[in-house]
C-alpha atoms as a PDB file:
ATOM      1  CA  MET A   1     100.367  66.080  83.475  1.00  0.00           C
ATOM      2  CA  LEU A   2     103.518  66.753  85.454  1.00  0.00           C
ATOM      3  CA  ARG A   3     106.775  64.865  85.130  1.00  0.00           C
ATOM      4  CA  ARG A   4     109.039  65.856  88.029  1.00  0.00           C
ATOM      5  CA  LEU A   5     112.824  65.744  87.914  1.00  0.00           C
ATOM      6  CA  VAL A   6     115.142  65.878  90.863  1.00  0.00           C
ATOM      7  CA  SER A   7     116.725  69.192  91.794  1.00  0.00           C
ATOM      8  CA  LYS A   8     119.928  68.710  89.879  1.00  0.00           C
ATOM      9  CA  ARG A   9     119.180  68.167  86.194  1.00  0.00           C
ATOM     10  CA  SER A  10     119.816  70.000  82.971  1.00  0.00           C
ATOM     11  CA  LEU A  11     118.229  72.836  80.935  1.00  0.00           C
ATOM     12  CA  ALA A  12     118.020  73.569  77.248  1.00  0.00           C
ATOM     13  CA  THR A  13     116.444  76.209  75.033  1.00  0.00           C
ATOM     14  CA  LEU A  14     114.010  76.017  72.106  1.00  0.00           C
ATOM     15  CA  PRO A  15     114.815  76.214  68.404  1.00  0.00           C
ATOM     16  CA  GLU A  16     113.641  78.893  66.089  1.00  0.00           C
ATOM     17  CA  THR A  17     113.989  76.487  63.187  1.00  0.00           C
ATOM     18  CA  LEU A  18     113.112  73.138  64.771  1.00  0.00           C
ATOM     19  CA  PHE A  19     109.787  71.979  66.175  1.00  0.00           C
ATOM     20  CA  PRO A  20     109.491  71.050  69.866  1.00  0.00           C
ATOM     21  CA  ASN A  21     108.667  67.511  70.862  1.00  0.00           C
ATOM     22  CA  LYS A  22     105.020  66.611  70.301  1.00  0.00           C
ATOM     23  CA  TYR A  23     103.544  63.228  71.129  1.00  0.00           C
ATOM     24  CA  GLY A  24      99.902  62.272  70.624  1.00  0.00           C
ATOM     25  CA  GLY A  25      98.971  65.878  69.901  1.00  0.00           C
ATOM     26  CA  ARG A  26     100.638  67.124  73.117  1.00  0.00           C
ATOM     27  CA  TYR A  27     103.800  69.128  73.693  1.00  0.00           C
ATOM     28  CA  THR A  28     106.328  68.434  76.443  1.00  0.00           C
ATOM     29  CA  VAL A  29     107.685  71.687  77.870  1.00  0.00           C
ATOM     30  CA  THR A  30     110.496  72.151  80.372  1.00  0.00           C
ATOM     31  CA  LEU A  31     109.255  74.056  83.432  1.00  0.00           C
ATOM     32  CA  LEU A  32     111.871  75.857  85.542  1.00  0.00           C
ATOM     33  CA  PRO A  33     110.157  77.521  88.521  1.00  0.00           C
ATOM     34  CA  GLY A  34     113.362  79.287  89.596  1.00  0.00           C
ATOM     35  CA  ASP A  35     113.913  81.298  92.781  1.00  0.00           C
ATOM     36  CA  GLY A  36     111.825  83.785  94.758  1.00  0.00           C
ATOM     37  CA  VAL A  37     108.214  83.912  93.609  1.00  0.00           C
ATOM     38  CA  GLY A  38     108.939  81.759  90.559  1.00  0.00           C
ATOM     39  CA  LYS A  39     107.084  78.705  91.822  1.00  0.00           C
ATOM     40  CA  GLU A  40     103.986  80.703  92.786  1.00  0.00           C
ATOM     41  CA  CYS A  41     103.863  82.308  89.338  1.00  0.00           C
ATOM     42  CA  THR A  42     104.534  79.119  87.382  1.00  0.00           C
ATOM     43  CA  ASP A  43     101.898  77.353  89.522  1.00  0.00           C
ATOM     44  CA  SER A  44      99.484  80.027  88.295  1.00  0.00           C
ATOM     45  CA  VAL A  45     100.296  79.133  84.679  1.00  0.00           C
ATOM     46  CA  VAL A  46      99.883  75.406  85.340  1.00  0.00           C
ATOM     47  CA  SER A  47      96.449  76.039  86.923  1.00  0.00           C
ATOM     48  CA  VAL A  48      95.275  78.164  83.992  1.00  0.00           C
ATOM     49  CA  PHE A  49      96.554  75.667  81.411  1.00  0.00           C
ATOM     50  CA  ASN A  50      94.816  72.811  83.233  1.00  0.00           C
ATOM     51  CA  ALA A  51      91.552  74.747  83.317  1.00  0.00           C
ATOM     52  CA  GLU A  52      91.842  75.417  79.581  1.00  0.00           C
ATOM     53  CA  ASN A  53      92.845  71.812  78.749  1.00  0.00           C
ATOM     54  CA  ILE A  54      95.876  73.059  76.842  1.00  0.00           C
ATOM     55  CA  PRO A  55      97.871  70.125  75.386  1.00  0.00           C
ATOM     56  CA  ILE A  56     101.035  70.720  77.407  1.00  0.00           C
ATOM     57  CA  ASP A  57     102.852  68.204  79.626  1.00  0.00           C
ATOM     58  CA  TRP A  58     105.369  69.758  81.989  1.00  0.00           C
ATOM     59  CA  GLU A  59     108.817  68.378  82.744  1.00  0.00           C
ATOM     60  CA  ILE A  60     109.686  70.174  85.966  1.00  0.00           C
ATOM     61  CA  VAL A  61     113.301  70.933  86.825  1.00  0.00           C
ATOM     62  CA  ASN A  62     113.691  72.460  90.278  1.00  0.00           C
ATOM     63  CA  ILE A  63     117.022  74.240  90.492  1.00  0.00           C
ATOM     64  CA  SER A  64     118.200  77.459  92.098  1.00  0.00           C
ATOM     65  CA  GLY A  65     120.570  80.180  91.001  1.00  0.00           C
ATOM     66  CA  LEU A  66     122.909  78.828  93.688  1.00  0.00           C
ATOM     67  CA  ASP A  67     123.185  75.419  91.997  1.00  0.00           C
ATOM     68  CA  HIS A  68     125.852  76.643  89.564  1.00  0.00           C
ATOM     69  CA  LYS A  69     127.231  74.107  87.067  1.00  0.00           C
ATOM     70  CA  GLU A  70     125.200  71.144  88.302  1.00  0.00           C
ATOM     71  CA  GLY A  71     121.972  73.092  87.934  1.00  0.00           C
ATOM     72  CA  VAL A  72     122.825  74.339  84.461  1.00  0.00           C
ATOM     73  CA  ALA A  73     123.579  70.792  83.348  1.00  0.00           C
ATOM     74  CA  ALA A  74     120.127  69.629  84.495  1.00  0.00           C
ATOM     75  CA  ALA A  75     118.299  72.483  82.815  1.00  0.00           C
ATOM     76  CA  VAL A  76     120.223  72.222  79.554  1.00  0.00           C
ATOM     77  CA  GLN A  77     119.619  68.487  79.318  1.00  0.00           C
ATOM     78  CA  SER A  78     115.853  68.891  79.695  1.00  0.00           C
ATOM     79  CA  LEU A  79     115.642  71.710  77.179  1.00  0.00           C
ATOM     80  CA  ARG A  80     117.720  69.853  74.639  1.00  0.00           C
ATOM     81  CA  ARG A  81     115.080  67.150  74.778  1.00  0.00           C
ATOM     82  CA  ASN A  82     112.019  69.388  74.727  1.00  0.00           C
ATOM     83  CA  LYS A  83     113.279  72.414  72.749  1.00  0.00           C
ATOM     84  CA  ILE A  84     111.016  74.839  74.639  1.00  0.00           C
ATOM     85  CA  GLY A  85     110.740  76.005  78.223  1.00  0.00           C
ATOM     86  CA  LEU A  86     108.874  78.254  80.631  1.00  0.00           C
ATOM     87  CA  LYS A  87     111.153  79.699  83.278  1.00  0.00           C
ATOM     88  CA  GLY A  88     111.031  81.638  86.506  1.00  0.00           C
ATOM     89  CA  LEU A  89     113.974  83.850  87.407  1.00  0.00           C
ATOM     90  CA  TRP A  90     117.169  82.589  89.024  1.00  0.00           C
ATOM     91  CA  HIS A  91     118.801  84.613  91.763  1.00  0.00           C
ATOM     92  CA  THR A  92     122.362  85.810  91.189  1.00  0.00           C
ATOM     93  CA  SER A  93     124.031  87.119  94.342  1.00  0.00           C
ATOM     94  CA  ASN A  94     125.851  90.404  93.823  1.00  0.00           C
ATOM     95  CA  ALA A  95     128.152  89.448  96.673  1.00  0.00           C
ATOM     96  CA  ASP A  96     129.322  86.201  95.058  1.00  0.00           C
ATOM     97  CA  GLN A  97     133.014  86.442  94.178  1.00  0.00           C
ATOM     98  CA  SER A  98     133.504  82.673  94.136  1.00  0.00           C
ATOM     99  CA  GLY A  99     134.048  82.619  90.383  1.00  0.00           C
ATOM    100  CA  HIS A 100     130.857  80.677  89.658  1.00  0.00           C
ATOM    101  CA  GLY A 101     129.236  83.617  87.880  1.00  0.00           C
ATOM    102  CA  SER A 102     125.595  83.831  86.869  1.00  0.00           C
ATOM    103  CA  LEU A 103     123.566  80.677  86.270  1.00  0.00           C
ATOM    104  CA  ASN A 104     121.445  82.676  83.819  1.00  0.00           C
ATOM    105  CA  VAL A 105     124.483  83.649  81.730  1.00  0.00           C
ATOM    106  CA  ALA A 106     125.877  80.118  81.750  1.00  0.00           C
ATOM    107  CA  PHE A 107     122.500  78.718  80.733  1.00  0.00           C
ATOM    108  CA  ARG A 108     122.124  81.089  77.778  1.00  0.00           C
ATOM    109  CA  LYS A 109     125.672  80.511  76.568  1.00  0.00           C
ATOM    110  CA  GLN A 110     125.461  76.718  76.699  1.00  0.00           C
ATOM    111  CA  LEU A 111     122.253  76.725  74.654  1.00  0.00           C
ATOM    112  CA  ASP A 112     123.225  79.762  72.558  1.00  0.00           C
ATOM    113  CA  ILE A 113     119.966  81.481  73.447  1.00  0.00           C
ATOM    114  CA  TYR A 114     121.172  84.729  71.999  1.00  0.00           C
ATOM    115  CA  ALA A 115     118.109  86.995  71.776  1.00  0.00           C
ATOM    116  CA  ASN A 116     116.157  88.289  74.753  1.00  0.00           C
ATOM    117  CA  VAL A 117     112.825  89.950  73.951  1.00  0.00           C
ATOM    118  CA  ALA A 118     110.997  92.039  76.561  1.00  0.00           C
ATOM    119  CA  VAL A 119     107.598  93.576  75.771  1.00  0.00           C
ATOM    120  CA  PHE A 120     106.646  96.788  77.569  1.00  0.00           C
ATOM    121  CA  LYS A 121     103.002  97.507  76.849  1.00  0.00           C
ATOM    122  CA  SER A 122     100.640  99.494  79.065  1.00  0.00           C
ATOM    123  CA  LEU A 123      97.700  97.609  80.524  1.00  0.00           C
ATOM    124  CA  LYS A 124      94.318  99.268  80.796  1.00  0.00           C
ATOM    125  CA  GLY A 125      93.442  99.845  84.427  1.00  0.00           C
ATOM    126  CA  VAL A 126      97.023 100.193  85.695  1.00  0.00           C
ATOM    127  CA  LYS A 127      97.713 103.793  86.678  1.00  0.00           C
ATOM    128  CA  THR A 128     101.028 105.102  85.367  1.00  0.00           C
ATOM    129  CA  MET A 129     102.640 108.496  84.793  1.00  0.00           C
ATOM    130  CA  ILE A 130     102.678 108.034  80.995  1.00  0.00           C
ATOM    131  CA  PRO A 131      99.841 106.170  79.248  1.00  0.00           C
ATOM    132  CA  ASP A 132      99.894 103.975  76.135  1.00  0.00           C
ATOM    133  CA  VAL A 133     103.510 102.833  76.264  1.00  0.00           C
ATOM    134  CA  ASP A 134     104.258 100.159  73.668  1.00  0.00           C
ATOM    135  CA  LEU A 135     107.897  99.321  73.041  1.00  0.00           C
ATOM    136  CA  VAL A 136     110.072  96.229  72.723  1.00  0.00           C
ATOM    137  CA  VAL A 137     113.659  95.805  73.923  1.00  0.00           C
ATOM    138  CA  ILE A 138     115.725  93.124  72.163  1.00  0.00           C
ATOM    139  CA  ARG A 139     118.960  92.353  73.967  1.00  0.00           C
ATOM    140  CA  GLU A 140     121.985  90.305  72.845  1.00  0.00           C
ATOM    141  CA  ASN A 141     122.259  87.555  75.461  1.00  0.00           C
ATOM    142  CA  THR A 142     125.644  85.909  74.961  1.00  0.00           C
ATOM    143  CA  GLU A 143     128.389  88.533  74.801  1.00  0.00           C
ATOM    144  CA  GLY A 144     129.048  92.192  75.615  1.00  0.00           C
ATOM    145  CA  GLU A 145     129.412  92.993  79.310  1.00  0.00           C
ATOM    146  CA  PHE A 146     127.783  89.672  80.183  1.00  0.00           C
ATOM    147  CA  SER A 147     130.382  87.547  78.422  1.00  0.00           C
ATOM    148  CA  GLY A 148     131.344  86.229  81.848  1.00  0.00           C
ATOM    149  CA  LEU A 149     135.054  86.754  81.132  1.00  0.00           C
ATOM    150  CA  GLU A 150     136.791  88.375  84.071  1.00  0.00           C
ATOM    151  CA  HIS A 151     139.820  87.676  86.204  1.00  0.00           C
ATOM    152  CA  GLU A 152     141.988  89.195  88.910  1.00  0.00           C
ATOM    153  CA  SER A 153     145.278  89.946  87.161  1.00  0.00           C
ATOM    154  CA  VAL A 154     146.982  90.905  90.433  1.00  0.00           C
ATOM    155  CA  GLU A 155     145.512  91.170  93.898  1.00  0.00           C
ATOM    156  CA  GLY A 156     143.015  94.016  93.984  1.00  0.00           C
ATOM    157  CA  VAL A 157     142.923  94.491  90.207  1.00  0.00           C
ATOM    158  CA  VAL A 158     140.033  92.871  88.317  1.00  0.00           C
ATOM    159  CA  GLU A 159     139.741  92.929  84.528  1.00  0.00           C
ATOM    160  CA  SER A 160     136.313  92.348  82.968  1.00  0.00           C
ATOM    161  CA  LEU A 161     136.247  91.779  79.227  1.00  0.00           C
ATOM    162  CA  LYS A 162     133.452  93.206  77.112  1.00  0.00           C
ATOM    163  CA  VAL A 163     133.388  91.158  73.910  1.00  0.00           C
ATOM    164  CA  THR A 164     131.626  92.317  70.740  1.00  0.00           C
ATOM    165  CA  THR A 165     131.854  90.234  67.576  1.00  0.00           C
ATOM    166  CA  LEU A 166     130.658  90.923  64.063  1.00  0.00           C
ATOM    167  CA  PRO A 167     128.831  87.576  63.559  1.00  0.00           C
ATOM    168  CA  LYS A 168     126.844  87.853  66.790  1.00  0.00           C
ATOM    169  CA  THR A 169     126.060  91.521  66.208  1.00  0.00           C
ATOM    170  CA  GLU A 170     124.821  90.726  62.705  1.00  0.00           C
ATOM    171  CA  ARG A 171     122.722  87.917  64.150  1.00  0.00           C
ATOM    172  CA  ILE A 172     120.997  90.045  66.796  1.00  0.00           C
ATOM    173  CA  ALA A 173     120.506  92.873  64.294  1.00  0.00           C
ATOM    174  CA  ARG A 174     118.731  90.603  61.798  1.00  0.00           C
ATOM    175  CA  PHE A 175     116.688  89.102  64.623  1.00  0.00           C
ATOM    176  CA  ALA A 176     115.510  92.592  65.639  1.00  0.00           C
ATOM    177  CA  PHE A 177     114.582  93.627  62.109  1.00  0.00           C
ATOM    178  CA  ASN A 178     112.838  90.305  61.424  1.00  0.00           C
ATOM    179  CA  TYR A 179     110.926  90.709  64.672  1.00  0.00           C
ATOM    180  CA  ALA A 180     109.872  94.198  63.625  1.00  0.00           C
ATOM    181  CA  GLN A 181     108.644  92.960  60.248  1.00  0.00           C
ATOM    182  CA  LYS A 182     106.710  90.012  61.652  1.00  0.00           C
ATOM    183  CA  ASN A 183     105.060  92.050  64.400  1.00  0.00           C
ATOM    184  CA  GLY A 184     104.048  95.134  62.456  1.00  0.00           C
ATOM    185  CA  ARG A 185     106.719  97.356  63.998  1.00  0.00           C
ATOM    186  CA  LYS A 186     108.017 100.306  62.006  1.00  0.00           C
ATOM    187  CA  ALA A 187     111.387 101.226  63.492  1.00  0.00           C
ATOM    188  CA  VAL A 188     114.504  99.690  65.048  1.00  0.00           C
ATOM    189  CA  CYS A 189     116.898 101.790  67.117  1.00  0.00           C
ATOM    190  CA  ALA A 190     120.372 100.580  68.177  1.00  0.00           C
ATOM    191  CA  VAL A 191     121.421 101.589  71.702  1.00  0.00           C
ATOM    192  CA  HIS A 192     125.180 102.089  72.181  1.00  0.00           C
ATOM    193  CA  LYS A 193     127.991 104.048  73.816  1.00  0.00           C
ATOM    194  CA  ALA A 194     130.137 104.435  70.709  1.00  0.00           C
ATOM    195  CA  ASN A 195     131.181 107.961  71.650  1.00  0.00           C
ATOM    196  CA  ILE A 196     133.390 106.388  74.342  1.00  0.00           C
ATOM    197  CA  MET A 197     133.771 102.714  73.367  1.00  0.00           C
ATOM    198  CA  LYS A 198     134.510 103.520  69.766  1.00  0.00           C
ATOM    199  CA  LEU A 199     135.587 100.047  68.657  1.00  0.00           C
ATOM    200  CA  GLY A 200     133.218  97.701  70.516  1.00  0.00           C
ATOM    201  CA  ASP A 201     130.065  99.805  70.598  1.00  0.00           C
ATOM    202  CA  GLY A 202     131.065 101.381  67.295  1.00  0.00           C
ATOM    203  CA  LEU A 203     130.969  97.908  65.753  1.00  0.00           C
ATOM    204  CA  PHE A 204     127.530  97.281  67.262  1.00  0.00           C
ATOM    205  CA  ARG A 205     126.060 100.595  66.092  1.00  0.00           C
ATOM    206  CA  ASN A 206     127.569 100.475  62.613  1.00  0.00           C
ATOM    207  CA  THR A 207     126.565  96.857  62.034  1.00  0.00           C
ATOM    208  CA  VAL A 208     122.940  97.381  63.052  1.00  0.00           C
ATOM    209  CA  THR A 209     122.749 100.537  60.945  1.00  0.00           C
ATOM    210  CA  SER A 210     124.292  98.880  57.889  1.00  0.00           C
ATOM    211  CA  ILE A 211     122.049  95.813  58.015  1.00  0.00           C
ATOM    212  CA  GLY A 212     118.968  97.933  58.517  1.00  0.00           C
ATOM    213  CA  GLU A 213     119.696 100.241  55.614  1.00  0.00           C
ATOM    214  CA  LYS A 214     120.804  97.523  53.189  1.00  0.00           C
ATOM    215  CA  GLU A 215     118.512  94.601  54.041  1.00  0.00           C
ATOM    216  CA  TYR A 216     115.405  96.142  55.615  1.00  0.00           C
ATOM    217  CA  PRO A 217     114.635  99.384  53.756  1.00  0.00           C
ATOM    218  CA  ASP A 218     110.990  99.212  54.882  1.00  0.00           C
ATOM    219  CA  ILE A 219     112.030  99.545  58.552  1.00  0.00           C
ATOM    220  CA  GLU A 220     113.258 102.893  59.878  1.00  0.00           C
ATOM    221  CA  THR A 221     116.780 102.525  61.306  1.00  0.00           C
ATOM    222  CA  SER A 222     118.372 104.802  63.888  1.00  0.00           C
ATOM    223  CA  SER A 223     120.789 104.767  66.825  1.00  0.00           C
ATOM    224  CA  ILE A 224     121.037 106.487  70.209  1.00  0.00           C
ATOM    225  CA  ILE A 225     123.617 106.746  73.012  1.00  0.00           C
ATOM    226  CA  VAL A 226     122.543 104.721  76.044  1.00  0.00           C
ATOM    227  CA  ASP A 227     122.475 107.646  78.506  1.00  0.00           C
ATOM    228  CA  ASN A 228     120.250 109.655  76.180  1.00  0.00           C
ATOM    229  CA  ALA A 229     118.140 106.570  75.519  1.00  0.00           C
ATOM    230  CA  SER A 230     117.499 106.253  79.247  1.00  0.00           C
ATOM    231  CA  MET A 231     116.395 109.874  79.537  1.00  0.00           C
ATOM    232  CA  GLN A 232     114.263 109.718  76.389  1.00  0.00           C
ATOM    233  CA  ALA A 233     112.610 106.467  77.522  1.00  0.00           C
ATOM    234  CA  VAL A 234     111.486 108.174  80.735  1.00  0.00           C
ATOM    235  CA  ALA A 235     110.451 111.461  79.104  1.00  0.00           C
ATOM    236  CA  LYS A 236     109.104 110.423  75.682  1.00  0.00           C
ATOM    237  CA  PRO A 237     108.808 106.620  75.407  1.00  0.00           C
ATOM    238  CA  HIS A 238     106.363 106.824  72.495  1.00  0.00           C
ATOM    239  CA  GLN A 239     109.189 107.778  70.123  1.00  0.00           C
ATOM    240  CA  PHE A 240     110.585 104.228  70.422  1.00  0.00           C
ATOM    241  CA  ASP A 241     109.297 101.092  68.742  1.00  0.00           C
ATOM    242  CA  VAL A 242     111.973  98.352  68.860  1.00  0.00           C
ATOM    243  CA  LEU A 243     115.256  98.959  70.678  1.00  0.00           C
ATOM    244  CA  VAL A 244     118.146  96.554  70.015  1.00  0.00           C
ATOM    245  CA  THR A 245     120.973  96.575  72.533  1.00  0.00           C
ATOM    246  CA  PRO A 246     124.119  94.863  73.793  1.00  0.00           C
ATOM    247  CA  SER A 247     123.580  92.848  76.962  1.00  0.00           C
ATOM    248  CA  MET A 248     123.927  95.383  79.781  1.00  0.00           C
ATOM    249  CA  TYR A 249     122.161  98.305  78.107  1.00  0.00           C
ATOM    250  CA  GLY A 250     119.097  96.148  77.514  1.00  0.00           C
ATOM    251  CA  THR A 251     118.907  95.334  81.206  1.00  0.00           C
ATOM    252  CA  ILE A 252     119.039  99.036  82.098  1.00  0.00           C
ATOM    253  CA  ILE A 253     116.455 100.127  79.518  1.00  0.00           C
ATOM    254  CA  GLY A 254     114.313  97.147  80.475  1.00  0.00           C
ATOM    255  CA  ASN A 255     114.086  98.259  84.104  1.00  0.00           C
ATOM    256  CA  ILE A 256     113.017 101.696  82.929  1.00  0.00           C
ATOM    257  CA  GLY A 257     110.398 100.067  80.717  1.00  0.00           C
ATOM    258  CA  ALA A 258     109.051  98.055  83.656  1.00  0.00           C
ATOM    259  CA  ALA A 259     108.637 101.230  85.708  1.00  0.00           C
ATOM    260  CA  LEU A 260     106.848 102.940  82.815  1.00  0.00           C
ATOM    261  CA  ILE A 261     104.079 100.327  82.588  1.00  0.00           C
ATOM    262  CA  GLY A 262     103.566  99.659  86.299  1.00  0.00           C
ATOM    263  CA  GLY A 263     106.259  97.285  87.505  1.00  0.00           C
ATOM    264  CA  PRO A 264     108.143  94.059  86.809  1.00  0.00           C
ATOM    265  CA  GLY A 265     105.089  91.903  87.450  1.00  0.00           C
ATOM    266  CA  LEU A 266     103.572  93.039  84.147  1.00  0.00           C
ATOM    267  CA  VAL A 267     106.408  92.463  81.646  1.00  0.00           C
ATOM    268  CA  ALA A 268     106.229  89.516  79.254  1.00  0.00           C
ATOM    269  CA  GLY A 269     109.467  88.122  77.867  1.00  0.00           C
ATOM    270  CA  ALA A 270     111.133  85.413  75.822  1.00  0.00           C
ATOM    271  CA  ASN A 271     114.584  84.153  74.820  1.00  0.00           C
ATOM    272  CA  PHE A 272     115.368  82.648  71.428  1.00  0.00           C
ATOM    273  CA  GLY A 273     118.257  80.677  69.985  1.00  0.00           C
ATOM    274  CA  ARG A 274     118.877  78.690  66.834  1.00  0.00           C
ATOM    275  CA  GLU A 275     117.309  75.572  68.315  1.00  0.00           C
ATOM    276  CA  TYR A 276     115.568  76.549  71.538  1.00  0.00           C
ATOM    277  CA  ALA A 277     113.149  79.061  73.046  1.00  0.00           C
ATOM    278  CA  VAL A 278     112.673  79.861  76.725  1.00  0.00           C
ATOM    279  CA  PHE A 279     109.865  82.111  77.934  1.00  0.00           C
ATOM    280  CA  GLU A 280     110.168  84.049  81.178  1.00  0.00           C
ATOM    281  CA  PRO A 281     109.157  87.420  82.688  1.00  0.00           C
ATOM    282  CA  GLY A 282     110.867  90.220  80.807  1.00  0.00           C
ATOM    283  CA  SER A 283     112.027  92.162  83.869  1.00  0.00           C
ATOM    284  CA  ARG A 284     114.580  90.504  86.103  1.00  0.00           C
ATOM    285  CA  HIS A 285     113.119  90.816  89.615  1.00  0.00           C
ATOM    286  CA  VAL A 286     113.201  87.529  91.517  1.00  0.00           C
ATOM    287  CA  GLY A 287     110.999  88.602  94.454  1.00  0.00           C
ATOM    288  CA  LEU A 288     112.994  86.928  97.230  1.00  0.00           C
ATOM    289  CA  ASP A 289     111.485  89.325  99.779  1.00  0.00           C
ATOM    290  CA  ILE A 290     107.905  88.192  99.076  1.00  0.00           C
ATOM    291  CA  LYS A 291     108.552  84.514  98.446  1.00  0.00           C
ATOM    292  CA  GLY A 292     105.883  82.227  99.894  1.00  0.00           C
ATOM    293  CA  GLN A 293     103.499  85.043 100.843  1.00  0.00           C
ATOM    294  CA  ASN A 294     101.026  84.417  97.983  1.00  0.00           C
ATOM    295  CA  ILE A 295     101.049  88.090  96.992  1.00  0.00           C
ATOM    296  CA  ALA A 296     103.146  87.965  93.794  1.00  0.00           C
ATOM    297  CA  ASN A 297     101.621  89.208  90.556  1.00  0.00           C
ATOM    298  CA  PRO A 298     101.596  86.303  88.065  1.00  0.00           C
ATOM    299  CA  THR A 299     100.698  88.552  85.102  1.00  0.00           C
ATOM    300  CA  ALA A 300     104.206  88.599  83.603  1.00  0.00           C
ATOM    301  CA  MET A 301     104.445  84.812  83.757  1.00  0.00           C
ATOM    302  CA  LEU A 302     100.946  84.341  82.329  1.00  0.00           C
ATOM    303  CA  LEU A 303     101.631  86.748  79.456  1.00  0.00           C
ATOM    304  CA  SER A 304     104.980  85.032  78.817  1.00  0.00           C
ATOM    305  CA  SER A 305     103.179  81.686  78.691  1.00  0.00           C
ATOM    306  CA  ALA A 306     100.796  83.178  76.110  1.00  0.00           C
ATOM    307  CA  LEU A 307     103.828  84.117  73.989  1.00  0.00           C
ATOM    308  CA  MET A 308     104.977  80.512  74.343  1.00  0.00           C
ATOM    309  CA  LEU A 309     101.631  79.226  73.088  1.00  0.00           C
ATOM    310  CA  ASN A 310     101.843  81.575  70.093  1.00  0.00           C
ATOM    311  CA  HIS A 311     105.317  80.192  69.376  1.00  0.00           C
ATOM    312  CA  LEU A 312     103.903  76.661  69.432  1.00  0.00           C
ATOM    313  CA  GLY A 313     101.157  77.623  66.988  1.00  0.00           C
ATOM    314  CA  LEU A 314      98.455  77.494  69.705  1.00  0.00           C
ATOM    315  CA  THR A 315      97.600  81.095  68.941  1.00  0.00           C
ATOM    316  CA  LYS A 316      93.924  80.924  69.907  1.00  0.00           C
ATOM    317  CA  SER A 317      94.784  79.640  73.371  1.00  0.00           C
ATOM    318  CA  GLY A 318      97.533  82.232  73.714  1.00  0.00           C
ATOM    319  CA  LYS A 319      95.175  85.060  72.820  1.00  0.00           C
ATOM    320  CA  ARG A 320      92.477  83.769  75.171  1.00  0.00           C
ATOM    321  CA  ILE A 321      94.861  83.785  78.133  1.00  0.00           C
ATOM    322  CA  SER A 322      96.396  87.147  77.261  1.00  0.00           C
ATOM    323  CA  ASP A 323      92.954  88.732  76.798  1.00  0.00           C
ATOM    324  CA  ALA A 324      91.614  87.227  80.025  1.00  0.00           C
ATOM    325  CA  VAL A 325      94.551  88.563  82.059  1.00  0.00           C
ATOM    326  CA  ARG A 326      94.153  92.039  80.584  1.00  0.00           C
ATOM    327  CA  GLU A 327      90.390  92.040  81.144  1.00  0.00           C
ATOM    328  CA  VAL A 328      90.711  91.029  84.799  1.00  0.00           C
ATOM    329  CA  ILE A 329      93.180  93.864  85.408  1.00  0.00           C
ATOM    330  CA  ALA A 330      91.077  96.374  83.460  1.00  0.00           C
ATOM    331  CA  GLU A 331      87.935  95.547  85.445  1.00  0.00           C
ATOM    332  CA  GLY A 332      89.831  96.378  88.635  1.00  0.00           C
ATOM    333  CA  ASP A 333      88.016  94.094  91.069  1.00  0.00           C
ATOM    334  CA  VAL A 334      90.877  91.612  91.456  1.00  0.00           C
ATOM    335  CA  ARG A 335      94.374  93.078  91.480  1.00  0.00           C
ATOM    336  CA  THR A 336      97.529  92.150  93.320  1.00  0.00           C
ATOM    337  CA  LYS A 337      99.192  94.510  95.768  1.00  0.00           C
ATOM    338  CA  ASP A 338     101.835  95.799  93.346  1.00  0.00           C
ATOM    339  CA  ILE A 339      99.185  97.391  91.111  1.00  0.00           C
ATOM    340  CA  GLY A 340      96.972  98.832  93.827  1.00  0.00           C
ATOM    341  CA  GLY A 341      94.867  95.879  94.930  1.00  0.00           C
ATOM    342  CA  ASP A 342      94.828  93.366  97.759  1.00  0.00           C
ATOM    343  CA  ALA A 343      94.217  90.087  95.907  1.00  0.00           C
ATOM    344  CA  THR A 344      96.479  87.102  96.473  1.00  0.00           C
ATOM    345  CA  THR A 345      98.275  85.288  93.678  1.00  0.00           C
ATOM    346  CA  THR A 346      95.743  82.485  94.016  1.00  0.00           C
ATOM    347  CA  GLU A 347      92.760  84.867  93.844  1.00  0.00           C
ATOM    348  CA  PHE A 348      94.115  86.584  90.734  1.00  0.00           C
ATOM    349  CA  THR A 349      94.724  83.229  89.076  1.00  0.00           C
ATOM    350  CA  GLN A 350      91.216  82.089  89.907  1.00  0.00           C
ATOM    351  CA  ALA A 351      89.790  85.334  88.481  1.00  0.00           C
ATOM    352  CA  VAL A 352      91.602  84.662  85.184  1.00  0.00           C
ATOM    353  CA  ILE A 353      90.250  81.088  85.129  1.00  0.00           C
ATOM    354  CA  GLU A 354      86.757  82.409  85.844  1.00  0.00           C
ATOM    355  CA  LYS A 355      87.060  84.951  83.038  1.00  0.00           C
ATOM    356  CA  LEU A 356      88.166  82.227  80.623  1.00  0.00           C
ATOM    357  CA  SER A 357      85.225  80.026  81.618  1.00  0.00           C
ATOM    358  CA  GLN A 358      82.888  82.865  80.666  1.00  0.00           C
ATOM    359  CA  THR A 359      84.575  83.382  77.293  1.00  0.00           C
ATOM    360  CA  PRO A 360      83.280  81.203  74.440  1.00  0.00           C
ATOM    361  CA  TRP A 361      85.780  79.448  72.197  1.00  0.00           C
END
């Protein structure tokens, strides 16, 4: 069942401590198709959920990354009602000097969705240079380089503030270690540039290290400079388990992770706050150049939706969808162009639905 909202409405994020709205055994989830191929990929999820009779009702909020404050208000409002969302990616123009900033950053800050989780796990059947990659990047979403605090002090001189605070660093550190414990991970590594930014990144590194050693003795704690982390991720990714990073470093490492496993169309992701959770592809590639061509790979969105179902306690449904997607790719008969096939988005979606229909409950 779809409940459509006009283009300009508000978004919110889902609680880690509160339950989302559930009426008559069904959940209402905010659906934000986003820009580029977002609608094609979220349509894939809706089709699969309908085929599986999953008890989700969608509240659709159609806004673009160009909608700025009005769009954020609409998205936040919907998420504050529903507590959980599935989201496509919003485009942020790198040529925009209007002062509006990123809709994504504004959205996260208003809802305090502070933890971004991106899962980089090799899929059987996808040819890559390095097999069996399995690492997680957890990125602080609300401060650091993406604080959104910059100004032109005099003409031609722009100051951008990188903000690092002890409370938010402690919060993301504990989130990373808790994630590791709950998901059977053995090690957490803090990514930093404390050799140059001795105060800001020094605070981040030292805080993560201290919390790990004092509060999580069962989890191995380490740290690494971001440049070295980038090289090591390309050369020897198996040495990493969970990486916890300030905002910008996580984006950089995340793009490397996407390349390692076969591209951005394969990366599942999620964002968590105190009250809200929003699930979206873990690699930030909007796909403006292939919009409307029905060739996008919906795998990342489908796997993100499976994470959402796990979060809601619908773990059997989440596993069924995740397994079906992986099996279709492994069999190799139906693959999208980005991973060596010629299937359309629609054909891949239908193959997943067909696989699910053949799988007993």
